[in-house]
Amino acid sequence: MSVPVLLTALLATGCGGGKPAPSNLAVKPTFPAPLTACSLLSEQQVASAFGAAGVKAEEQQVTDLGEKKVHGCAYRRGSFVVVVTLITGVEAEPEDAVRDNARDPQASPVNGVGGYALGYRSALGQEIVVSGVRRAEETRVTTISGPGGSQDKLAALLRDILTKL
């Protein structure tokens, strides 16, 4: 084998002794970081809204429902808990999606949240506010629940969440 052919063969197999050629695998993606429910509110925001220092956020496992994905985050301190749930990939219009996700037929409109929102109290006494907004070609439905009597606090937190969707 001649020297030029041997040198070409060695370089082609990575045995040339120089630095390896850059790989396409090292290219960084250009899209935003994956969405997580705990990225929508900080522990400090929840603690401040409720006067509950020491709140810790716990990301829940994403539930894959085909086109829809359900993201959840629980903010806890002892028996205190606020839960945020985000459903992405909903095809329905916001009003229909919110009605479908509000578990109480007596849910009433919550003003000042942005988008379309309904609020109600669960059978267990939890306050729940559900909102839907249209982004690109999907509706995103957000539910936030917390202690009874806290609908105004939950609505204020939900307004913050909607700015990130």
Protein backbone atom coordinates (compact mmCIF):
# COMPACT_ATOMS: atom_id res chain seq x y z
CA MET A 1 0.00 0.00 0.00
CA SER A 2 1.43 3.37 -0.87
CA VAL A 3 2.04 5.99 1.84
CA PRO A 4 -0.68 8.44 0.64
CA VAL A 5 -3.28 5.65 0.52
CA LEU A 6 -2.23 4.37 3.98
CA LEU A 7 -2.31 7.88 5.45
CA THR A 8 -5.76 8.48 3.99
CA ALA A 9 -6.98 5.16 5.42
CA LEU A 10 -5.59 5.98 8.88
CA LEU A 11 -7.15 9.45 8.90
CA ALA A 12 -10.49 8.07 7.76
CA THR A 13 -10.56 5.57 10.65
CA GLY A 14 -9.54 8.12 13.27
CA CYS A 15 -6.01 6.78 13.69
CA GLY A 16 -4.23 9.87 12.42
CA GLY A 17 -3.10 10.98 15.85
CA GLY A 18 -4.67 14.45 15.53
CA LYS A 19 -7.80 15.80 17.11
CA PRO A 20 -10.95 13.94 16.11
CA ALA A 21 -13.33 15.74 13.80
CA PRO A 22 -16.26 17.37 15.61
CA SER A 23 -19.33 15.20 15.83
CA ASN A 24 -22.84 16.28 14.90
CA LEU A 25 -23.95 14.75 18.21
CA ALA A 26 -22.41 17.66 20.10
CA VAL A 27 -24.75 20.22 18.52
CA LYS A 28 -26.84 21.97 21.16
CA PRO A 29 -30.60 22.08 20.57
CA THR A 30 -32.07 25.49 19.81
CA PHE A 31 -35.51 24.92 21.32
CA PRO A 32 -36.46 26.05 24.86
CA ALA A 33 -35.95 23.81 27.86
CA PRO A 34 -38.73 21.28 28.49
CA LEU A 35 -41.73 22.62 30.36
CA THR A 36 -42.15 21.52 33.98
CA ALA A 37 -45.00 22.36 36.33
CA CYS A 38 -42.60 23.45 39.08
CA SER A 39 -41.02 25.97 36.70
CA LEU A 40 -44.34 27.87 36.61
CA LEU A 41 -44.19 29.06 40.24
CA SER A 42 -41.30 29.34 42.62
CA GLU A 43 -41.42 28.00 46.17
CA GLN A 44 -41.02 31.61 47.31
CA GLN A 45 -44.10 32.76 45.36
CA VAL A 46 -46.26 30.11 47.03
CA ALA A 47 -44.74 30.71 50.47
CA SER A 48 -45.24 34.46 50.14
CA ALA A 49 -48.86 34.18 48.95
CA PHE A 50 -49.82 31.97 51.90
CA GLY A 51 -47.36 33.09 54.58
CA ALA A 52 -46.02 29.54 54.66
CA ALA A 53 -42.21 29.66 54.95
CA GLY A 54 -40.33 26.49 54.11
CA VAL A 55 -42.55 25.33 51.24
CA LYS A 56 -40.83 22.72 49.05
CA ALA A 57 -41.79 21.98 45.44
CA GLU A 58 -42.11 18.36 44.32
CA GLU A 59 -42.32 17.75 40.56
CA GLN A 60 -44.76 14.97 39.70
CA GLN A 61 -44.17 12.45 36.95
CA VAL A 62 -45.57 13.59 33.58
CA THR A 63 -48.60 11.58 32.47
CA ASP A 64 -48.61 10.95 28.73
CA LEU A 65 -52.12 10.80 27.28
CA GLY A 66 -51.11 10.69 23.62
CA GLU A 67 -51.40 14.25 22.30
CA LYS A 68 -52.05 15.55 25.82
CA LYS A 69 -49.44 15.68 28.57
CA VAL A 70 -50.26 16.26 32.24
CA HIS A 71 -47.56 18.02 34.30
CA GLY A 72 -47.90 18.46 38.06
CA CYS A 73 -46.15 20.11 40.97
CA ALA A 74 -47.02 19.90 44.68
CA TYR A 75 -45.83 22.68 46.98
CA ARG A 76 -45.77 21.28 50.53
CA ARG A 77 -44.97 22.15 54.10
CA GLY A 78 -46.42 19.74 56.63
CA SER A 79 -50.16 19.44 55.99
CA PHE A 80 -50.14 22.60 53.83
CA VAL A 81 -50.25 21.82 50.11
CA VAL A 82 -50.83 23.76 46.90
CA VAL A 83 -50.98 21.72 43.69
CA VAL A 84 -50.46 23.04 40.16
CA THR A 85 -51.48 20.87 37.21
CA LEU A 86 -50.84 21.82 33.58
CA ILE A 87 -52.37 19.94 30.67
CA THR A 88 -50.74 20.64 27.31
CA GLY A 89 -51.83 19.52 23.85
CA VAL A 90 -55.56 20.13 24.37
CA GLU A 91 -57.38 20.67 21.08
CA ALA A 92 -60.59 22.17 22.50
CA GLU A 93 -61.11 25.91 22.82
CA PRO A 94 -60.22 27.31 26.28
CA GLU A 95 -63.83 27.69 27.50
CA ASP A 96 -64.69 24.09 26.60
CA ALA A 97 -61.42 22.72 27.98
CA VAL A 98 -61.90 24.55 31.30
CA ARG A 99 -65.49 23.31 31.65
CA ASP A 100 -64.31 19.76 30.91
CA ASN A 101 -61.63 20.00 33.62
CA ALA A 102 -63.68 21.79 36.29
CA ARG A 103 -65.02 18.84 38.30
CA ASP A 104 -67.97 20.80 39.71
CA PRO A 105 -70.94 21.76 37.54
CA GLN A 106 -71.55 24.69 39.95
CA ALA A 107 -68.11 26.21 39.25
CA SER A 108 -68.36 29.97 38.81
CA PRO A 109 -66.29 32.40 36.72
CA VAL A 110 -63.17 33.85 38.34
CA ASN A 111 -62.46 37.35 37.08
CA GLY A 112 -59.05 38.95 36.72
CA VAL A 113 -57.13 35.76 36.02
CA GLY A 114 -56.70 36.17 32.27
CA GLY A 115 -57.95 33.70 29.76
CA TYR A 116 -61.06 31.85 30.86
CA ALA A 117 -61.24 30.68 34.50
CA LEU A 118 -63.69 28.85 36.75
CA GLY A 119 -63.42 28.34 40.51
CA TYR A 120 -65.08 26.02 42.99
CA ARG A 121 -64.60 24.26 46.31
CA SER A 122 -64.07 20.49 46.22
CA ALA A 123 -65.96 18.03 48.40
CA LEU A 124 -62.80 17.87 50.58
CA GLY A 125 -62.85 21.65 51.11
CA GLN A 126 -60.00 22.53 48.74
CA GLU A 127 -60.32 25.69 46.63
CA ILE A 128 -59.73 25.00 42.94
CA VAL A 129 -59.27 27.43 40.07
CA VAL A 130 -59.07 26.18 36.46
CA SER A 131 -57.97 28.36 33.55
CA GLY A 132 -57.36 27.80 29.88
CA VAL A 133 -55.39 29.79 27.35
CA ARG A 134 -54.75 29.21 23.67
CA ARG A 135 -51.08 29.11 22.64
CA ALA A 136 -50.19 28.47 19.00
CA GLU A 137 -52.27 25.46 18.01
CA GLU A 138 -53.09 24.10 21.45
CA THR A 139 -55.00 25.03 24.57
CA ARG A 140 -53.14 24.80 27.87
CA VAL A 141 -55.31 24.10 30.89
CA THR A 142 -53.95 24.99 34.32
CA THR A 143 -55.51 23.94 37.60
CA ILE A 144 -54.31 25.24 40.95
CA SER A 145 -55.71 24.00 44.26
CA GLY A 146 -55.09 25.00 47.84
CA PRO A 147 -56.64 25.43 51.27
CA GLY A 148 -60.30 26.40 51.58
CA GLY A 149 -60.98 30.13 51.46
CA SER A 150 -57.93 30.86 49.32
CA GLN A 151 -59.49 31.45 45.90
CA ASP A 152 -58.13 35.02 45.63
CA LYS A 153 -54.59 33.85 46.47
CA LEU A 154 -54.83 30.99 43.99
CA ALA A 155 -56.16 33.33 41.29
CA ALA A 156 -53.20 35.70 41.84
CA LEU A 157 -50.74 32.79 41.53
CA LEU A 158 -52.56 31.58 38.42
CA ARG A 159 -52.13 35.03 36.83
CA ASP A 160 -48.37 34.63 37.32
CA ILE A 161 -48.46 31.16 35.79
CA LEU A 162 -50.34 32.33 32.70
CA THR A 163 -47.61 34.84 31.88
CA LYS A 164 -45.20 31.89 31.46
CA LEU A 165 -47.41 29.85 29.18
